[in-house]
């Protein structure tokens, strides 16, 4: 129950992410800077499990994670599995997309419910891996990424159609921000700004990676009710090392 969209620029990119969660979950902690294998990382932290769903590091690599519901079993079973957010947190210090994939392939993912992980690097299309609960594979990047515990294909279809309409005059930051605040085709389970009786968009995040800096802005609620704060920024460092 999340939505991600992006804009690739020469030497950088922008990433927007709506996090949709059950109203029973604890509020998340807003973004902060932590160290992952000596690399500074900006990420919000899940209030229940301590993992995260989106991160960007000082090397210019960003990650976001969406649950894959149709391959994850019943909700009660999901509650007994380890948090997928710790996978993202463990990988957040990576320097390159290939490093993310190599580490994922070496991990024992069997205990985890299904997920889709996207890795963004400056000037490059996102690399996306899908864990089905039994097999890890690569996927083509479909703008936008969308998940839904009700109907993932319909969620993607509705949100893709809306983004195409909004971007008819060109894709830029204002288009993506409007998309993530939108209730089209109707305020409900398939709009990017999602609202259901049992779950809703709980936060929005904007990541900017430029030639000389990175920044994460965060809204502690849906964009129909909350606004992005000033954000946390770091100077961009050279990506010159690889995890051994």
Protein backbone atom coordinates (compact mmCIF):
# COMPACT_ATOMS: atom_id res chain seq x y z
CA UNK A 1 0.00 0.00 0.00
CA UNK A 2 2.55 2.57 -1.16
CA UNK A 3 3.43 4.65 -4.21
CA UNK A 4 6.82 5.74 -5.58
CA UNK A 5 7.61 8.01 -8.53
CA UNK A 6 10.82 9.54 -9.79
CA UNK A 7 12.53 11.96 -12.13
CA UNK A 8 16.00 11.14 -13.46
CA UNK A 9 18.36 14.07 -14.06
CA UNK A 10 21.94 14.19 -15.40
CA UNK A 11 24.09 13.33 -12.40
CA UNK A 12 21.13 13.01 -10.05
CA UNK A 13 17.45 12.21 -9.52
CA UNK A 14 14.35 13.00 -7.48
CA UNK A 15 12.23 10.39 -5.74
CA UNK A 16 8.78 10.77 -4.15
CA UNK A 17 7.22 8.15 -1.91
CA UNK A 18 3.82 7.86 -0.20
CA UNK A 19 3.83 5.39 2.68
CA UNK A 20 0.44 3.76 3.27
CA UNK A 21 -0.03 1.91 6.54
CA UNK A 22 -2.61 0.58 8.95
CA UNK A 23 -3.92 3.13 11.42
CA UNK A 24 -3.06 0.68 14.20
CA UNK A 25 0.69 1.12 13.65
CA UNK A 26 2.70 3.48 15.81
CA UNK A 27 3.79 6.81 14.27
CA UNK A 28 7.16 6.73 12.53
CA UNK A 29 10.13 8.80 13.63
CA UNK A 30 10.94 11.57 11.14
CA UNK A 31 14.16 11.34 9.10
CA UNK A 32 17.48 11.38 10.91
CA UNK A 33 21.10 10.71 10.02
CA UNK A 34 22.59 7.35 11.01
CA UNK A 35 25.77 5.50 10.07
CA UNK A 36 25.55 2.27 8.07
CA UNK A 37 28.97 0.67 7.58
CA UNK A 38 30.61 4.07 7.95
CA UNK A 39 28.33 5.79 5.42
CA UNK A 40 25.98 8.58 6.50
CA UNK A 41 22.37 7.74 5.68
CA UNK A 42 19.19 9.80 5.98
CA UNK A 43 16.06 7.77 6.71
CA UNK A 44 12.81 7.81 8.71
CA UNK A 45 12.36 4.96 11.20
CA UNK A 46 9.32 2.73 11.59
CA UNK A 47 7.62 3.15 14.96
CA UNK A 48 6.89 -0.54 15.44
CA UNK A 49 9.89 -2.49 14.17
CA UNK A 50 12.69 0.09 13.82
CA UNK A 51 13.37 -0.53 10.14
CA UNK A 52 12.64 1.86 7.28
CA UNK A 53 10.95 2.07 3.89
CA UNK A 54 13.10 4.77 2.25
CA UNK A 55 16.68 5.96 2.61
CA UNK A 56 19.33 8.01 0.81
CA UNK A 57 23.02 7.99 1.61
CA UNK A 58 25.78 10.54 1.20
CA UNK A 59 27.10 8.66 -1.85
CA UNK A 60 23.90 9.48 -3.73
CA UNK A 61 22.26 6.05 -3.63
CA UNK A 62 18.63 5.79 -2.50
CA UNK A 63 16.44 2.81 -1.68
CA UNK A 64 12.70 2.37 -1.26
CA UNK A 65 10.71 -0.73 -0.34
CA UNK A 66 7.11 -1.66 -1.12
CA UNK A 67 5.32 -4.70 0.26
CA UNK A 68 4.12 -7.37 -2.17
CA UNK A 69 0.83 -8.47 -0.68
CA UNK A 70 -0.43 -11.19 -3.00
CA UNK A 71 2.69 -13.24 -2.26
CA UNK A 72 2.78 -12.57 1.47
CA UNK A 73 -0.07 -14.71 2.86
CA UNK A 74 -2.61 -13.62 5.40
CA UNK A 75 -2.08 -10.49 7.51
CA UNK A 76 -1.76 -12.59 10.66
CA UNK A 77 1.08 -14.55 9.12
CA UNK A 78 2.83 -11.34 8.03
CA UNK A 79 2.74 -10.09 11.62
CA UNK A 80 4.88 -13.06 12.68
CA UNK A 81 7.61 -12.55 10.06
CA UNK A 82 10.66 -10.31 10.53
CA UNK A 83 10.30 -6.71 9.39
CA UNK A 84 11.18 -6.13 5.75
CA UNK A 85 12.24 -2.62 6.73
CA UNK A 86 15.42 -4.03 8.26
CA UNK A 87 16.49 -5.34 4.85
CA UNK A 88 16.43 -1.79 3.50
CA UNK A 89 18.20 -0.44 6.56
CA UNK A 90 20.95 -3.06 6.23
CA UNK A 91 21.53 -2.15 2.57
CA UNK A 92 21.37 1.63 3.00
CA UNK A 93 25.14 2.09 3.07
CA UNK A 94 25.67 0.61 -0.41
CA UNK A 95 27.65 2.61 -2.95
CA UNK A 96 26.21 1.16 -6.18
CA UNK A 97 23.05 -0.49 -7.47
CA UNK A 98 25.02 -3.65 -8.30
CA UNK A 99 26.17 -3.83 -4.70
CA UNK A 100 22.56 -3.80 -3.53
CA UNK A 101 21.70 -6.66 -5.86
CA UNK A 102 24.73 -8.72 -4.92
CA UNK A 103 24.03 -8.36 -1.22
CA UNK A 104 20.36 -9.21 -1.68
CA UNK A 105 21.31 -12.37 -3.58
CA UNK A 106 23.60 -13.45 -0.73
CA UNK A 107 20.98 -12.91 2.00
CA UNK A 108 18.66 -15.54 3.43
CA UNK A 109 15.32 -13.98 2.51
CA UNK A 110 13.24 -17.06 3.33
CA UNK A 111 11.90 -15.67 6.64
CA UNK A 112 10.59 -12.50 4.96
CA UNK A 113 7.24 -11.81 3.35
CA UNK A 114 7.18 -10.55 -0.25
CA UNK A 115 8.59 -7.16 -1.17
CA UNK A 116 9.83 -5.03 -4.05
CA UNK A 117 13.07 -3.06 -3.49
CA UNK A 118 14.12 -0.22 -5.80
CA UNK A 119 17.65 1.21 -5.86
CA UNK A 120 18.31 4.64 -7.39
CA UNK A 121 21.70 5.96 -8.47
CA UNK A 122 22.58 9.35 -9.97
CA UNK A 123 21.61 9.64 -13.63
CA UNK A 124 20.52 5.99 -13.91
CA UNK A 125 17.19 4.21 -14.21
CA UNK A 126 16.17 2.45 -10.98
CA UNK A 127 17.10 -1.18 -10.46
CA UNK A 128 14.25 -3.20 -8.97
CA UNK A 129 14.25 -6.59 -7.27
CA UNK A 130 11.13 -8.54 -6.30
CA UNK A 131 11.13 -11.17 -3.57
CA UNK A 132 8.14 -13.48 -4.01
CA UNK A 133 8.62 -15.34 -0.74
CA UNK A 134 10.40 -18.09 -2.65
CA UNK A 135 12.39 -16.47 -5.45
CA UNK A 136 14.34 -13.23 -5.97
CA UNK A 137 14.15 -11.72 -9.46
CA UNK A 138 14.70 -8.48 -11.35
CA UNK A 139 11.85 -6.33 -12.65
CA UNK A 140 11.51 -3.57 -15.20
CA UNK A 141 10.95 -0.16 -13.63
CA UNK A 142 7.33 0.86 -14.23
CA UNK A 143 6.64 4.49 -13.38
CA UNK A 144 5.01 4.75 -10.90
CA UNK A 145 5.60 1.85 -8.53
CA UNK A 146 2.47 0.96 -6.60
CA UNK A 147 1.37 -1.63 -4.08
CA UNK A 148 -2.03 -2.45 -2.65
CA UNK A 149 -3.31 -5.17 -0.35
CA UNK A 150 -6.63 -5.02 -2.25
CA UNK A 151 -5.60 -5.11 -5.93
CA UNK A 152 -2.02 -4.23 -6.93
CA UNK A 153 -2.65 -4.27 -10.67
CA UNK A 154 -5.63 -1.92 -10.38
CA UNK A 155 -3.67 0.40 -8.08
CA UNK A 156 -0.85 0.55 -10.61
CA UNK A 157 -3.23 1.03 -13.54
CA UNK A 158 -5.16 3.88 -11.89
CA UNK A 159 -2.05 5.67 -10.65
CA UNK A 160 -0.18 5.19 -13.93
CA UNK A 161 -3.08 6.67 -15.89
CA UNK A 162 -3.25 9.66 -13.56
CA UNK A 163 0.49 10.33 -13.75
CA UNK A 164 0.39 10.20 -17.55
CA UNK A 165 -2.40 12.78 -17.56
CA UNK A 166 -0.61 15.09 -15.13
CA UNK A 167 2.67 14.79 -17.05
CA UNK A 168 1.13 15.45 -20.48
CA UNK A 169 2.95 18.81 -20.59
CA UNK A 170 6.19 17.40 -19.19
CA UNK A 171 7.40 15.67 -16.05
CA UNK A 172 8.88 17.82 -13.29
CA UNK A 173 8.91 18.12 -9.51
CA UNK A 174 5.60 19.99 -9.33
CA UNK A 175 3.89 17.24 -11.33
CA UNK A 176 5.19 14.51 -9.03
CA UNK A 177 4.21 16.43 -5.91
CA UNK A 178 0.70 17.00 -7.30
CA UNK A 179 0.47 13.32 -8.17
CA UNK A 180 1.31 12.22 -4.62
CA UNK A 181 -1.28 14.63 -3.18
CA UNK A 182 -4.01 13.52 -5.59
CA UNK A 183 -7.27 11.74 -4.74
CA UNK A 184 -8.02 10.85 -8.38
CA UNK A 185 -9.89 8.92 -9.62
CA UNK A 186 -11.65 9.21 -6.23
CA UNK A 187 -10.57 9.59 -2.63
CA UNK A 188 -10.15 5.96 -1.67
CA UNK A 189 -8.01 2.83 -1.92
CA UNK A 190 -6.58 3.41 -5.41
CA UNK A 191 -5.74 7.12 -5.34
CA UNK A 192 -2.03 7.96 -4.79
CA UNK A 193 -2.99 9.80 -1.60
CA UNK A 194 -4.74 6.71 -0.26
CA UNK A 195 -7.61 6.61 2.23
CA UNK A 196 -9.40 3.52 3.56
CA UNK A 197 -11.24 2.79 6.79
CA UNK A 198 -8.42 0.55 8.03
CA UNK A 199 -5.39 2.21 6.41
CA UNK A 200 -4.25 5.41 4.74
CA UNK A 201 -1.24 7.35 3.51
CA UNK A 202 0.66 8.08 6.72
CA UNK A 203 3.59 10.08 5.32
CA UNK A 204 5.21 11.41 2.16
CA UNK A 205 8.94 11.69 1.42
CA UNK A 206 10.88 13.60 -1.22
CA UNK A 207 14.51 12.69 -1.96
CA UNK A 208 16.75 14.96 -4.02
CA UNK A 209 20.19 13.89 -5.23
CA UNK A 210 22.10 16.65 -7.02
CA UNK A 211 25.69 16.97 -8.22
CA UNK A 212 26.93 18.34 -4.90
CA UNK A 213 24.29 17.54 -2.28
CA UNK A 214 21.53 15.22 -1.15
CA UNK A 215 18.35 16.11 0.71
CA UNK A 216 15.34 14.37 2.21
CA UNK A 217 12.11 16.24 2.91
CA UNK A 218 9.35 14.61 4.93
CA UNK A 219 5.64 15.22 5.52
CA UNK A 220 4.34 13.47 8.67
CA UNK A 221 0.97 12.79 7.08
CA UNK A 222 -0.71 12.66 3.66
CA UNK A 223 -0.02 15.63 1.40
CA UNK A 224 -3.73 16.49 1.43
CA UNK A 225 -3.25 17.39 5.11
CA UNK A 226 0.49 17.90 5.72
CA UNK A 227 3.35 19.69 3.99
CA UNK A 228 6.98 18.83 3.43
CA UNK A 229 9.31 20.23 6.08
CA UNK A 230 12.62 21.94 5.26
CA UNK A 231 14.37 18.57 5.26
CA UNK A 232 17.80 17.23 6.09
CA UNK A 233 20.71 17.77 3.73
CA UNK A 234 24.23 16.42 3.39
CA UNK A 235 27.08 17.19 1.01
CA UNK A 236 27.41 14.48 -1.59
CA UNK A 237 30.49 12.29 -1.24
CA UNK A 238 32.35 10.30 -3.88
CA UNK A 239 31.21 6.70 -4.33
CA UNK A 240 34.56 4.97 -4.45
CA UNK A 241 34.23 1.92 -2.25
CA UNK A 242 32.41 -1.37 -2.39
CA UNK A 243 31.25 -3.63 0.42
CA UNK A 244 33.64 -6.58 0.75
